[in-house]
Amino acid sequence: MEWKIELIFVPVTDVDRAKEFYVRIGFVADHDQQVDDDLRFVQLTPPGSACSIAIGTGLGSKVEPGTLDVIQIVVADADEALAHLRSVGVEAEGVDELAWGRFVTFRDPDGNSWALQELPDYAAQSAHA
């Protein structure tokens, strides 16, 4: 049996502003449905990811906008990711070099924090050990 994480809710205060931000950094806008006056569902997917995020109104999230700090995305090159974010006007921090990877962090317009991780080359590390 497989278990796959395919959707994570990200709390935001302004859906249109958040959608524009995520599309600007490269996410694909998969769906934007205003179901009724109280419910809007927007699904966005990072490039190459099998997992999407959902933002909107009336989604029932108990997480306050700006408090999410647990999402991490794996990237091939942290330096390239940092350069991309900065090229589209995002204030990003990095590259932080740790034994378990190289990290870039940034915040969305609501203050939700994201980490981008370039995984270490474990094969190269084993060859030098």
C-alpha atoms as a PDB file:
ATOM      1  CA  MET A   1       0.000   0.000   0.000  1.00  0.00           C
ATOM      2  CA  GLU A   2       1.315   3.446  -0.935  1.00  0.00           C
ATOM      3  CA  TRP A   3       0.632   6.631   1.013  1.00  0.00           C
ATOM      4  CA  LYS A   4       1.231   9.846  -0.870  1.00  0.00           C
ATOM      5  CA  ILE A   5       1.091  13.409   0.392  1.00  0.00           C
ATOM      6  CA  GLU A   6      -0.508  15.316  -2.458  1.00  0.00           C
ATOM      7  CA  LEU A   7      -2.018  18.476  -0.954  1.00  0.00           C
ATOM      8  CA  ILE A   8      -1.012  20.799   1.874  1.00  0.00           C
ATOM      9  CA  PHE A   9      -3.126  23.759   3.000  1.00  0.00           C
ATOM     10  CA  VAL A  10      -1.318  27.076   3.355  1.00  0.00           C
ATOM     11  CA  PRO A  11      -3.223  29.738   5.317  1.00  0.00           C
ATOM     12  CA  VAL A  12      -3.316  33.195   3.700  1.00  0.00           C
ATOM     13  CA  THR A  13      -5.177  36.448   4.281  1.00  0.00           C
ATOM     14  CA  ASP A  14      -5.459  37.594   0.648  1.00  0.00           C
ATOM     15  CA  VAL A  15      -6.013  34.773  -1.838  1.00  0.00           C
ATOM     16  CA  ASP A  16      -5.325  36.832  -4.964  1.00  0.00           C
ATOM     17  CA  ARG A  17      -2.104  38.292  -3.543  1.00  0.00           C
ATOM     18  CA  ALA A  18      -0.908  34.834  -2.459  1.00  0.00           C
ATOM     19  CA  LYS A  19      -1.827  33.260  -5.813  1.00  0.00           C
ATOM     20  CA  GLU A  20       0.126  35.976  -7.673  1.00  0.00           C
ATOM     21  CA  PHE A  21       3.144  35.417  -5.402  1.00  0.00           C
ATOM     22  CA  TYR A  22       3.238  31.647  -5.851  1.00  0.00           C
ATOM     23  CA  VAL A  23       2.727  31.881  -9.626  1.00  0.00           C
ATOM     24  CA  ARG A  24       5.511  34.511  -9.803  1.00  0.00           C
ATOM     25  CA  ILE A  25       7.982  32.143  -8.120  1.00  0.00           C
ATOM     26  CA  GLY A  26       7.067  29.361 -10.538  1.00  0.00           C
ATOM     27  CA  PHE A  27       4.146  27.397  -9.107  1.00  0.00           C
ATOM     28  CA  VAL A  28       1.503  26.289 -11.623  1.00  0.00           C
ATOM     29  CA  ALA A  29      -2.060  27.470 -10.912  1.00  0.00           C
ATOM     30  CA  ASP A  30      -3.980  24.199 -11.353  1.00  0.00           C
ATOM     31  CA  HIS A  31      -7.425  25.237 -10.106  1.00  0.00           C
ATOM     32  CA  ASP A  32      -9.179  28.400  -8.959  1.00  0.00           C
ATOM     33  CA  GLN A  33     -12.799  27.719  -8.123  1.00  0.00           C
ATOM     34  CA  GLN A  34     -15.197  30.069  -6.349  1.00  0.00           C
ATOM     35  CA  VAL A  35     -17.650  27.427  -5.156  1.00  0.00           C
ATOM     36  CA  ASP A  36     -19.998  29.892  -3.454  1.00  0.00           C
ATOM     37  CA  ASP A  37     -19.806  33.195  -1.550  1.00  0.00           C
ATOM     38  CA  ASP A  38     -17.984  31.528   1.363  1.00  0.00           C
ATOM     39  CA  LEU A  39     -15.758  28.957  -0.361  1.00  0.00           C
ATOM     40  CA  ARG A  40     -12.903  29.498  -2.811  1.00  0.00           C
ATOM     41  CA  PHE A  41     -10.368  26.772  -3.557  1.00  0.00           C
ATOM     42  CA  VAL A  42      -7.061  27.493  -5.326  1.00  0.00           C
ATOM     43  CA  GLN A  43      -4.575  24.697  -5.980  1.00  0.00           C
ATOM     44  CA  LEU A  44      -0.978  25.470  -6.972  1.00  0.00           C
ATOM     45  CA  THR A  45       1.856  23.057  -7.704  1.00  0.00           C
ATOM     46  CA  PRO A  46       5.607  23.695  -7.474  1.00  0.00           C
ATOM     47  CA  PRO A  47       7.422  22.833 -10.727  1.00  0.00           C
ATOM     48  CA  GLY A  48       8.139  19.101 -10.873  1.00  0.00           C
ATOM     49  CA  SER A  49       6.303  18.318  -7.622  1.00  0.00           C
ATOM     50  CA  ALA A  50       3.756  15.573  -7.017  1.00  0.00           C
ATOM     51  CA  CYS A  51       2.444  17.555  -4.036  1.00  0.00           C
ATOM     52  CA  SER A  52       0.417  20.749  -4.381  1.00  0.00           C
ATOM     53  CA  ILE A  53      -0.652  23.478  -2.005  1.00  0.00           C
ATOM     54  CA  ALA A  54      -4.167  24.800  -1.506  1.00  0.00           C
ATOM     55  CA  ILE A  55      -5.095  28.346  -0.552  1.00  0.00           C
ATOM     56  CA  GLY A  56      -8.510  29.920  -0.396  1.00  0.00           C
ATOM     57  CA  THR A  57     -11.390  30.971   1.777  1.00  0.00           C
ATOM     58  CA  GLY A  58     -13.717  28.780   3.803  1.00  0.00           C
ATOM     59  CA  LEU A  59     -11.331  25.817   3.779  1.00  0.00           C
ATOM     60  CA  GLY A  60     -11.685  25.216   7.513  1.00  0.00           C
ATOM     61  CA  SER A  61      -8.007  25.567   8.403  1.00  0.00           C
ATOM     62  CA  LYS A  62      -7.288  26.218  12.076  1.00  0.00           C
ATOM     63  CA  VAL A  63      -3.768  27.424  11.245  1.00  0.00           C
ATOM     64  CA  GLU A  64      -3.374  31.204  11.319  1.00  0.00           C
ATOM     65  CA  PRO A  65      -1.896  32.920   8.248  1.00  0.00           C
ATOM     66  CA  GLY A  66       1.792  33.646   8.705  1.00  0.00           C
ATOM     67  CA  THR A  67       2.423  30.848  11.222  1.00  0.00           C
ATOM     68  CA  LEU A  68       3.183  27.971   8.847  1.00  0.00           C
ATOM     69  CA  ASP A  69       6.882  27.090   8.929  1.00  0.00           C
ATOM     70  CA  VAL A  70       7.004  23.384   8.223  1.00  0.00           C
ATOM     71  CA  ILE A  71       7.081  23.011   4.441  1.00  0.00           C
ATOM     72  CA  GLN A  72      10.324  21.995   2.805  1.00  0.00           C
ATOM     73  CA  ILE A  73      10.911  21.548  -0.916  1.00  0.00           C
ATOM     74  CA  VAL A  74      13.863  19.650  -2.367  1.00  0.00           C
ATOM     75  CA  VAL A  75      15.708  21.454  -5.171  1.00  0.00           C
ATOM     76  CA  ALA A  76      18.602  20.329  -7.351  1.00  0.00           C
ATOM     77  CA  ASP A  77      20.674  23.481  -6.788  1.00  0.00           C
ATOM     78  CA  ALA A  78      20.278  25.814  -3.808  1.00  0.00           C
ATOM     79  CA  ASP A  79      22.299  28.581  -5.443  1.00  0.00           C
ATOM     80  CA  GLU A  80      20.094  28.499  -8.541  1.00  0.00           C
ATOM     81  CA  ALA A  81      16.938  28.495  -6.387  1.00  0.00           C
ATOM     82  CA  LEU A  82      18.188  31.498  -4.416  1.00  0.00           C
ATOM     83  CA  ALA A  83      19.071  33.379  -7.612  1.00  0.00           C
ATOM     84  CA  HIS A  84      15.630  32.612  -9.088  1.00  0.00           C
ATOM     85  CA  LEU A  85      13.756  33.828  -6.022  1.00  0.00           C
ATOM     86  CA  ARG A  86      15.754  37.036  -5.889  1.00  0.00           C
ATOM     87  CA  SER A  87      15.282  37.584  -9.652  1.00  0.00           C
ATOM     88  CA  VAL A  88      11.500  37.673  -9.167  1.00  0.00           C
ATOM     89  CA  GLY A  89      11.710  40.046  -6.205  1.00  0.00           C
ATOM     90  CA  VAL A  90      11.505  37.618  -3.287  1.00  0.00           C
ATOM     91  CA  GLU A  91      13.659  38.338  -0.243  1.00  0.00           C
ATOM     92  CA  ALA A  92      15.287  34.968   0.304  1.00  0.00           C
ATOM     93  CA  GLU A  93      17.966  33.917   2.775  1.00  0.00           C
ATOM     94  CA  GLY A  94      20.668  31.401   2.062  1.00  0.00           C
ATOM     95  CA  VAL A  95      22.587  29.456   1.199  1.00  0.00           C
ATOM     96  CA  ASP A  96      22.940  27.883   4.641  1.00  0.00           C
ATOM     97  CA  GLU A  97      25.436  24.993   4.550  1.00  0.00           C
ATOM     98  CA  LEU A  98      24.602  22.120   6.911  1.00  0.00           C
ATOM     99  CA  ALA A  99      25.719  18.495   7.043  1.00  0.00           C
ATOM    100  CA  TRP A 100      22.276  17.355   5.860  1.00  0.00           C
ATOM    101  CA  GLY A 101      21.971  19.790   2.972  1.00  0.00           C
ATOM    102  CA  ARG A 102      22.172  23.336   1.663  1.00  0.00           C
ATOM    103  CA  PHE A 103      19.168  25.505   2.519  1.00  0.00           C
ATOM    104  CA  VAL A 104      17.434  28.607   1.193  1.00  0.00           C
ATOM    105  CA  THR A 105      14.535  30.105   3.137  1.00  0.00           C
ATOM    106  CA  PHE A 106      11.889  32.638   2.175  1.00  0.00           C
ATOM    107  CA  ARG A 107       8.498  33.884   3.319  1.00  0.00           C
ATOM    108  CA  ASP A 108       5.282  34.390   1.392  1.00  0.00           C
ATOM    109  CA  PRO A 109       3.385  37.714   1.657  1.00  0.00           C
ATOM    110  CA  ASP A 110       1.627  36.503   4.840  1.00  0.00           C
ATOM    111  CA  GLY A 111       4.864  35.452   6.534  1.00  0.00           C
ATOM    112  CA  ASN A 112       4.540  31.682   6.060  1.00  0.00           C
ATOM    113  CA  SER A 113       8.095  30.328   5.958  1.00  0.00           C
ATOM    114  CA  TRP A 114       9.426  27.927   3.335  1.00  0.00           C
ATOM    115  CA  ALA A 115      12.715  26.004   3.179  1.00  0.00           C
ATOM    116  CA  LEU A 116      14.339  24.818  -0.030  1.00  0.00           C
ATOM    117  CA  GLN A 117      16.852  22.008   0.489  1.00  0.00           C
ATOM    118  CA  GLU A 118      19.572  20.827  -1.843  1.00  0.00           C
ATOM    119  CA  LEU A 119      20.253  17.301  -0.655  1.00  0.00           C
ATOM    120  CA  PRO A 120      23.857  16.350   0.076  1.00  0.00           C
ATOM    121  CA  ASP A 121      25.656  14.077  -2.355  1.00  0.00           C
ATOM    122  CA  TYR A 122      25.788  11.052  -0.081  1.00  0.00           C
ATOM    123  CA  ALA A 123      27.603   8.947  -2.690  1.00  0.00           C
ATOM    124  CA  ALA A 124      30.443  11.487  -2.893  1.00  0.00           C
ATOM    125  CA  GLN A 125      30.605  11.691   0.905  1.00  0.00           C
ATOM    126  CA  SER A 126      30.862   7.869   1.170  1.00  0.00           C
ATOM    127  CA  ALA A 127      33.677   7.781  -1.382  1.00  0.00           C
ATOM    128  CA  HIS A 128      35.717  10.235   0.694  1.00  0.00           C
ATOM    129  CA  ALA A 129      35.077   8.492   4.022  1.00  0.00           C
END
